[in-house]
Amino acid sequence: MFPAPYRRLTPAENARHAVELFGRDVVVDWCEALLSGVATDDDPRYPDIAWLKGHIGWPAYWSRVWGARGLLHIGPPTRPLLVVDALRDDAWRVREMALKVIVRHELDDPSGRVAERLEDPVERVRQQAMRTLGVPPSAR
């Protein structure tokens, strides 16, 4: 059960508390499983999704967003290629969050997928791709 006092915390604070309670390896594995679609919001193998500020029953892509957001706050990931692969997710929120994880943890992008996001159909993803690539604000 998710303790009530944690409901008022930010996603970053909740993720850090989850690491304290369950261990970094467990939480990183969980976030990677969520991001890759191997785990769902109600997966019994992992803690309550509320630790990542998620909710059971939302559309499936949200679990992938919450996984990426968890990695953003507690990373770096142990399998960085999962994050790079998420740049091709059907859901734009997943792509945007994956870009944030890449820039925060300085992940390598050997396949050039970050640059591909410069042509993303969603403006927020294109803007995050520019930030990830270090394009100065004046050039955006």
N, C-alpha and C. Protein backbone atom coordinates (compact mmCIF):
# COMPACT_ATOMS: atom_id res chain seq x y z
N MET A 1 0.84 -1.18 0.00
CA MET A 1 0.00 0.00 0.00
C MET A 1 0.88 1.24 0.00
N PHE A 2 0.46 2.23 -0.72
CA PHE A 2 1.20 3.47 -0.84
C PHE A 2 0.83 4.41 0.31
N PRO A 3 1.83 4.83 1.12
CA PRO A 3 1.55 5.67 2.29
C PRO A 3 1.03 7.07 1.93
N ALA A 4 0.00 7.52 2.59
CA ALA A 4 -0.64 8.81 2.32
C ALA A 4 0.31 10.00 2.35
N PRO A 5 1.28 10.08 3.28
CA PRO A 5 2.15 11.27 3.31
C PRO A 5 2.93 11.50 2.02
N TYR A 6 3.15 10.46 1.25
CA TYR A 6 3.93 10.59 0.03
C TYR A 6 3.12 11.14 -1.14
N ARG A 7 1.82 11.21 -0.99
CA ARG A 7 0.96 11.67 -2.08
C ARG A 7 1.19 13.13 -2.44
N ARG A 8 1.70 13.89 -1.53
CA ARG A 8 1.91 15.33 -1.76
C ARG A 8 3.30 15.64 -2.30
N LEU A 9 4.14 14.66 -2.44
CA LEU A 9 5.51 14.89 -2.88
C LEU A 9 5.59 14.98 -4.41
N THR A 10 6.68 15.54 -4.89
CA THR A 10 6.91 15.62 -6.33
C THR A 10 7.31 14.24 -6.86
N PRO A 11 7.25 14.05 -8.17
CA PRO A 11 7.72 12.78 -8.74
C PRO A 11 9.17 12.47 -8.36
N ALA A 12 10.02 13.47 -8.35
CA ALA A 12 11.43 13.25 -7.99
C ALA A 12 11.56 12.79 -6.55
N GLU A 13 10.83 13.44 -5.64
CA GLU A 13 10.88 13.06 -4.23
C GLU A 13 10.35 11.65 -4.03
N ASN A 14 9.24 11.34 -4.69
CA ASN A 14 8.69 9.99 -4.56
C ASN A 14 9.66 8.94 -5.06
N ALA A 15 10.28 9.19 -6.20
CA ALA A 15 11.23 8.23 -6.77
C ALA A 15 12.41 8.01 -5.81
N ARG A 16 12.90 9.09 -5.21
CA ARG A 16 14.02 8.95 -4.26
C ARG A 16 13.61 8.14 -3.04
N HIS A 17 12.39 8.37 -2.56
CA HIS A 17 11.91 7.57 -1.42
C HIS A 17 11.75 6.11 -1.81
N ALA A 18 11.30 5.84 -3.03
CA ALA A 18 11.18 4.46 -3.50
C ALA A 18 12.54 3.78 -3.49
N VAL A 19 13.57 4.50 -3.91
CA VAL A 19 14.93 3.95 -3.89
C VAL A 19 15.36 3.63 -2.46
N GLU A 20 15.04 4.52 -1.52
CA GLU A 20 15.40 4.27 -0.12
C GLU A 20 14.71 3.01 0.42
N LEU A 21 13.46 2.82 0.04
CA LEU A 21 12.68 1.69 0.55
C LEU A 21 12.96 0.37 -0.15
N PHE A 22 13.08 0.40 -1.47
CA PHE A 22 13.16 -0.84 -2.26
C PHE A 22 14.54 -1.12 -2.82
N GLY A 23 15.41 -0.12 -2.80
CA GLY A 23 16.76 -0.26 -3.35
C GLY A 23 16.83 0.26 -4.78
N ARG A 24 17.96 0.85 -5.11
CA ARG A 24 18.12 1.46 -6.42
C ARG A 24 18.00 0.43 -7.53
N ASP A 25 18.62 -0.73 -7.37
CA ASP A 25 18.57 -1.75 -8.42
C ASP A 25 17.14 -2.16 -8.75
N VAL A 26 16.32 -2.34 -7.73
CA VAL A 26 14.93 -2.74 -7.94
C VAL A 26 14.16 -1.65 -8.68
N VAL A 27 14.34 -0.40 -8.26
CA VAL A 27 13.58 0.69 -8.87
C VAL A 27 14.04 0.95 -10.29
N VAL A 28 15.34 0.89 -10.55
CA VAL A 28 15.83 1.08 -11.93
C VAL A 28 15.31 -0.05 -12.82
N ASP A 29 15.38 -1.28 -12.32
CA ASP A 29 14.86 -2.41 -13.10
C ASP A 29 13.38 -2.22 -13.40
N TRP A 30 12.63 -1.80 -12.41
CA TRP A 30 11.20 -1.54 -12.56
C TRP A 30 10.94 -0.46 -13.61
N CYS A 31 11.66 0.65 -13.52
CA CYS A 31 11.48 1.74 -14.48
C CYS A 31 11.83 1.29 -15.89
N GLU A 32 12.89 0.52 -16.03
CA GLU A 32 13.25 0.01 -17.35
C GLU A 32 12.20 -0.96 -17.87
N ALA A 33 11.63 -1.78 -16.99
CA ALA A 33 10.58 -2.71 -17.40
C ALA A 33 9.33 -1.94 -17.82
N LEU A 34 9.00 -0.88 -17.12
CA LEU A 34 7.86 -0.04 -17.51
C LEU A 34 8.11 0.62 -18.86
N LEU A 35 9.28 1.23 -19.00
CA LEU A 35 9.60 1.94 -20.24
C LEU A 35 9.58 1.02 -21.45
N SER A 36 10.06 -0.18 -21.29
CA SER A 36 10.12 -1.12 -22.41
C SER A 36 8.79 -1.84 -22.65
N GLY A 37 7.83 -1.66 -21.75
CA GLY A 37 6.54 -2.31 -21.90
C GLY A 37 6.48 -3.71 -21.33
N VAL A 38 7.55 -4.15 -20.67
CA VAL A 38 7.60 -5.48 -20.06
C VAL A 38 6.74 -5.52 -18.80
N ALA A 39 6.63 -4.40 -18.09
CA ALA A 39 5.81 -4.30 -16.89
C ALA A 39 4.66 -3.33 -17.15
N THR A 40 3.59 -3.51 -16.40
CA THR A 40 2.43 -2.64 -16.49
C THR A 40 2.24 -1.89 -15.18
N ASP A 41 1.26 -1.02 -15.16
CA ASP A 41 1.02 -0.20 -13.97
C ASP A 41 0.61 -1.00 -12.73
N ASP A 42 0.12 -2.20 -12.94
CA ASP A 42 -0.31 -3.02 -11.79
C ASP A 42 0.47 -4.33 -11.68
N ASP A 43 1.69 -4.33 -12.18
CA ASP A 43 2.53 -5.53 -12.16
C ASP A 43 2.85 -5.93 -10.72
N PRO A 44 2.48 -7.15 -10.32
CA PRO A 44 2.70 -7.56 -8.92
C PRO A 44 4.16 -7.78 -8.55
N ARG A 45 5.04 -7.82 -9.53
CA ARG A 45 6.47 -8.01 -9.25
C ARG A 45 7.13 -6.75 -8.70
N TYR A 46 6.45 -5.61 -8.84
CA TYR A 46 7.06 -4.33 -8.51
C TYR A 46 6.22 -3.55 -7.50
N PRO A 47 6.79 -2.45 -6.97
CA PRO A 47 6.04 -1.63 -6.01
C PRO A 47 4.80 -0.99 -6.65
N ASP A 48 4.01 -0.37 -5.82
CA ASP A 48 2.82 0.36 -6.26
C ASP A 48 3.24 1.47 -7.22
N ILE A 49 2.55 1.60 -8.35
CA ILE A 49 2.89 2.61 -9.35
C ILE A 49 2.82 4.03 -8.79
N ALA A 50 2.11 4.21 -7.69
CA ALA A 50 2.02 5.53 -7.06
C ALA A 50 3.40 6.05 -6.64
N TRP A 51 4.35 5.15 -6.41
CA TRP A 51 5.72 5.60 -6.07
C TRP A 51 6.32 6.41 -7.21
N LEU A 52 5.82 6.20 -8.43
CA LEU A 52 6.29 6.98 -9.58
C LEU A 52 5.25 8.02 -9.98
N LYS A 53 4.30 8.28 -9.06
CA LYS A 53 3.21 9.23 -9.28
C LYS A 53 2.28 8.77 -10.39
N GLY A 54 2.22 7.46 -10.60
CA GLY A 54 1.34 6.90 -11.62
C GLY A 54 0.03 6.42 -11.03
N HIS A 55 -0.84 5.96 -11.93
CA HIS A 55 -2.18 5.51 -11.55
C HIS A 55 -2.52 4.24 -12.31
N ILE A 56 -3.12 3.30 -11.64
CA ILE A 56 -3.56 2.06 -12.28
C ILE A 56 -4.77 2.37 -13.17
N GLY A 57 -4.75 1.78 -14.36
CA GLY A 57 -5.89 1.89 -15.25
C GLY A 57 -5.79 2.97 -16.32
N TRP A 58 -4.75 3.77 -16.29
CA TRP A 58 -4.59 4.79 -17.34
C TRP A 58 -4.15 4.10 -18.62
N PRO A 59 -4.22 4.77 -19.76
CA PRO A 59 -3.74 4.16 -21.01
C PRO A 59 -2.31 3.64 -20.87
N ALA A 60 -2.03 2.55 -21.57
CA ALA A 60 -0.76 1.82 -21.40
C ALA A 60 0.48 2.67 -21.59
N TYR A 61 0.43 3.65 -22.47
CA TYR A 61 1.65 4.45 -22.71
C TYR A 61 2.08 5.21 -21.46
N TRP A 62 1.14 5.51 -20.55
CA TRP A 62 1.52 6.24 -19.34
C TRP A 62 2.50 5.45 -18.48
N SER A 63 2.38 4.13 -18.46
CA SER A 63 3.34 3.32 -17.71
C SER A 63 4.75 3.54 -18.27
N ARG A 64 4.85 3.65 -19.57
CA ARG A 64 6.16 3.89 -20.19
C ARG A 64 6.66 5.29 -19.85
N VAL A 65 5.77 6.27 -19.81
CA VAL A 65 6.15 7.63 -19.41
C VAL A 65 6.66 7.62 -17.97
N TRP A 66 5.92 6.97 -17.08
CA TRP A 66 6.31 6.94 -15.66
C TRP A 66 7.64 6.22 -15.47
N GLY A 67 7.88 5.18 -16.26
CA GLY A 67 9.17 4.49 -16.20
C GLY A 67 10.31 5.41 -16.59
N ALA A 68 10.11 6.14 -17.68
CA ALA A 68 11.14 7.08 -18.13
C ALA A 68 11.35 8.19 -17.11
N ARG A 69 10.25 8.69 -16.56
CA ARG A 69 10.37 9.77 -15.57
C ARG A 69 11.11 9.27 -14.33
N GLY A 70 10.85 8.04 -13.93
CA GLY A 70 11.60 7.48 -12.81
C GLY A 70 13.09 7.45 -13.10
N LEU A 71 13.45 7.03 -14.31
CA LEU A 71 14.87 7.01 -14.69
C LEU A 71 15.45 8.42 -14.73
N LEU A 72 14.65 9.37 -15.12
CA LEU A 72 15.11 10.76 -15.13
C LEU A 72 15.59 11.16 -13.74
N HIS A 73 14.82 10.77 -12.73
CA HIS A 73 15.12 11.21 -11.36
C HIS A 73 16.10 10.32 -10.62
N ILE A 74 16.20 9.04 -10.96
CA ILE A 74 17.06 8.14 -10.18
C ILE A 74 18.14 7.48 -11.01
N GLY A 75 18.17 7.76 -12.31
CA GLY A 75 19.11 7.10 -13.22
C GLY A 75 20.54 7.37 -12.84
N PRO A 76 21.45 7.00 -13.66
CA PRO A 76 21.24 6.58 -15.04
C PRO A 76 20.72 5.14 -15.13
N PRO A 77 20.13 4.82 -16.28
CA PRO A 77 19.63 3.46 -16.46
C PRO A 77 20.78 2.47 -16.59
N THR A 78 20.48 1.22 -16.28
CA THR A 78 21.50 0.18 -16.47
C THR A 78 21.52 -0.29 -17.92
N ARG A 79 20.40 -0.09 -18.62
CA ARG A 79 20.30 -0.45 -20.04
C ARG A 79 19.92 0.79 -20.85
N PRO A 80 20.89 1.65 -21.12
CA PRO A 80 20.59 2.91 -21.79
C PRO A 80 19.97 2.76 -23.18
N LEU A 81 20.23 1.64 -23.85
CA LEU A 81 19.63 1.47 -25.18
C LEU A 81 18.11 1.36 -25.12
N LEU A 82 17.56 0.94 -23.97
CA LEU A 82 16.10 0.95 -23.82
C LEU A 82 15.55 2.37 -23.93
N VAL A 83 16.29 3.32 -23.39
CA VAL A 83 15.87 4.72 -23.44
C VAL A 83 15.98 5.23 -24.88
N VAL A 84 17.07 4.92 -25.54
CA VAL A 84 17.24 5.33 -26.94
C VAL A 84 16.16 4.70 -27.81
N ASP A 85 15.86 3.44 -27.58
CA ASP A 85 14.79 2.77 -28.34
C ASP A 85 13.44 3.44 -28.12
N ALA A 86 13.22 4.00 -26.94
CA ALA A 86 11.95 4.65 -26.64
C ALA A 86 11.72 5.91 -27.48
N LEU A 87 12.76 6.38 -28.15
CA LEU A 87 12.60 7.54 -29.03
C LEU A 87 11.73 7.22 -30.24
N ARG A 88 11.46 5.96 -30.46
CA ARG A 88 10.59 5.55 -31.57
C ARG A 88 9.22 5.07 -31.07
N ASP A 89 8.92 5.35 -29.82
CA ASP A 89 7.63 4.96 -29.26
C ASP A 89 6.50 5.69 -30.00
N ASP A 90 5.35 5.05 -30.08
CA ASP A 90 4.19 5.67 -30.73
C ASP A 90 3.67 6.88 -29.95
N ALA A 91 3.87 6.91 -28.65
CA ALA A 91 3.35 7.99 -27.81
C ALA A 91 4.38 9.12 -27.68
N TRP A 92 3.96 10.32 -28.02
CA TRP A 92 4.90 11.45 -28.00
C TRP A 92 5.40 11.74 -26.60
N ARG A 93 4.59 11.52 -25.57
CA ARG A 93 5.04 11.79 -24.21
C ARG A 93 6.20 10.87 -23.81
N VAL A 94 6.18 9.66 -24.31
CA VAL A 94 7.28 8.73 -24.05
C VAL A 94 8.54 9.23 -24.74
N ARG A 95 8.41 9.65 -26.00
CA ARG A 95 9.58 10.16 -26.74
C ARG A 95 10.16 11.39 -26.05
N GLU A 96 9.30 12.30 -25.64
CA GLU A 96 9.78 13.51 -24.97
C GLU A 96 10.51 13.18 -23.67
N MET A 97 9.93 12.29 -22.87
CA MET A 97 10.57 11.95 -21.59
C MET A 97 11.88 11.19 -21.82
N ALA A 98 11.93 10.33 -22.83
CA ALA A 98 13.17 9.62 -23.13
C ALA A 98 14.27 10.62 -23.49
N LEU A 99 13.93 11.65 -24.24
CA LEU A 99 14.93 12.68 -24.56
C LEU A 99 15.44 13.36 -23.30
N LYS A 100 14.56 13.62 -22.36
CA LYS A 100 14.98 14.25 -21.10
C LYS A 100 15.94 13.34 -20.33
N VAL A 101 15.66 12.04 -20.34
CA VAL A 101 16.55 11.08 -19.67
C VAL A 101 17.92 11.07 -20.35
N ILE A 102 17.91 11.09 -21.67
CA ILE A 102 19.17 11.06 -22.44
C ILE A 102 20.04 12.26 -22.11
N VAL A 103 19.45 13.44 -22.09
CA VAL A 103 20.26 14.63 -21.82
C VAL A 103 20.67 14.69 -20.35
N ARG A 104 19.77 14.34 -19.42
CA ARG A 104 20.11 14.40 -17.99
C ARG A 104 21.27 13.49 -17.64
N HIS A 105 21.28 12.28 -18.23
CA HIS A 105 22.30 11.30 -17.87
C HIS A 105 23.37 11.13 -18.94
N GLU A 106 23.36 12.06 -19.91
CA GLU A 106 24.39 12.08 -20.96
C GLU A 106 24.57 10.71 -21.61
N LEU A 107 23.46 10.12 -22.02
CA LEU A 107 23.51 8.80 -22.65
C LEU A 107 23.97 8.92 -24.09
N ASP A 108 24.71 7.92 -24.54
CA ASP A 108 25.16 7.88 -25.93
C ASP A 108 24.00 7.53 -26.85
N ASP A 109 24.06 8.05 -28.05
CA ASP A 109 23.05 7.78 -29.07
C ASP A 109 23.76 7.35 -30.35
N PRO A 110 24.29 6.12 -30.36
CA PRO A 110 25.08 5.68 -31.52
C PRO A 110 24.26 5.56 -32.81
N SER A 111 22.96 5.45 -32.70
CA SER A 111 22.12 5.28 -33.89
C SER A 111 21.58 6.59 -34.44
N GLY A 112 21.82 7.70 -33.79
CA GLY A 112 21.36 9.00 -34.28
C GLY A 112 19.86 9.23 -34.12
N ARG A 113 19.24 8.55 -33.17
CA ARG A 113 17.79 8.68 -33.00
C ARG A 113 17.37 10.02 -32.41
N VAL A 114 18.25 10.65 -31.65
CA VAL A 114 17.90 11.97 -31.13
C VAL A 114 17.70 12.93 -32.30
N ALA A 115 18.62 12.93 -33.24
CA ALA A 115 18.50 13.81 -34.40
C ALA A 115 17.23 13.51 -35.20
N GLU A 116 16.81 12.26 -35.25
CA GLU A 116 15.56 11.91 -35.94
C GLU A 116 14.37 12.65 -35.33
N ARG A 117 14.43 12.91 -34.04
CA ARG A 117 13.31 13.57 -33.36
C ARG A 117 13.18 15.03 -33.74
N LEU A 118 14.18 15.58 -34.44
CA LEU A 118 14.06 16.96 -34.93
C LEU A 118 12.93 17.06 -35.97
N GLU A 119 12.55 15.94 -36.52
CA GLU A 119 11.46 15.88 -37.50
C GLU A 119 10.19 15.29 -36.90
N ASP A 120 10.12 15.21 -35.58
CA ASP A 120 8.96 14.63 -34.92
C ASP A 120 7.71 15.43 -35.25
N PRO A 121 6.55 14.78 -35.38
CA PRO A 121 5.32 15.52 -35.67
C PRO A 121 4.82 16.38 -34.50
N VAL A 122 5.37 16.18 -33.31
CA VAL A 122 4.92 16.92 -32.12
C VAL A 122 5.97 17.98 -31.75
N GLU A 123 5.52 19.22 -31.66
CA GLU A 123 6.41 20.35 -31.38
C GLU A 123 7.20 20.16 -30.07
N ARG A 124 6.56 19.69 -29.02
CA ARG A 124 7.27 19.52 -27.74
C ARG A 124 8.42 18.52 -27.87
N VAL A 125 8.25 17.50 -28.66
CA VAL A 125 9.32 16.52 -28.86
C VAL A 125 10.44 17.16 -29.68
N ARG A 126 10.10 17.91 -30.72
CA ARG A 126 11.14 18.59 -31.52
C ARG A 126 11.94 19.55 -30.65
N GLN A 127 11.24 20.33 -29.80
CA GLN A 127 11.94 21.28 -28.92
C GLN A 127 12.87 20.55 -27.95
N GLN A 128 12.41 19.44 -27.39
CA GLN A 128 13.26 18.68 -26.46
C GLN A 128 14.44 18.07 -27.20
N ALA A 129 14.24 17.63 -28.43
CA ALA A 129 15.36 17.10 -29.22
C ALA A 129 16.42 18.18 -29.43
N MET A 130 15.99 19.40 -29.70
CA MET A 130 16.94 20.50 -29.87
C MET A 130 17.71 20.75 -28.58
N ARG A 131 17.00 20.77 -27.45
CA ARG A 131 17.69 20.95 -26.16
C ARG A 131 18.67 19.80 -25.91
N THR A 132 18.25 18.59 -26.23
CA THR A 132 19.10 17.42 -26.02
C THR A 132 20.38 17.51 -26.86
N LEU A 133 20.23 18.03 -28.06
CA LEU A 133 21.38 18.17 -28.96
C LEU A 133 22.20 19.43 -28.68
N GLY A 134 21.75 20.24 -27.73
CA GLY A 134 22.49 21.45 -27.35
C GLY A 134 22.29 22.64 -28.27
N VAL A 135 21.19 22.64 -29.01
CA VAL A 135 20.89 23.79 -29.87
C VAL A 135 20.54 24.97 -28.98
N PRO A 136 21.24 26.10 -29.15
CA PRO A 136 20.96 27.26 -28.28
C PRO A 136 19.53 27.78 -28.49
N PRO A 137 18.92 28.31 -27.44
CA PRO A 137 17.54 28.81 -27.56
C PRO A 137 17.34 29.77 -28.71
N SER A 138 18.30 30.62 -28.98
CA SER A 138 18.16 31.60 -30.05
C SER A 138 18.07 30.94 -31.44
N ALA A 139 18.56 29.72 -31.56
CA ALA A 139 18.54 29.02 -32.85
C ALA A 139 17.31 28.14 -33.01
N ARG A 140 16.52 28.05 -31.96
CA ARG A 140 15.32 27.21 -32.03
C ARG A 140 14.22 27.99 -32.65
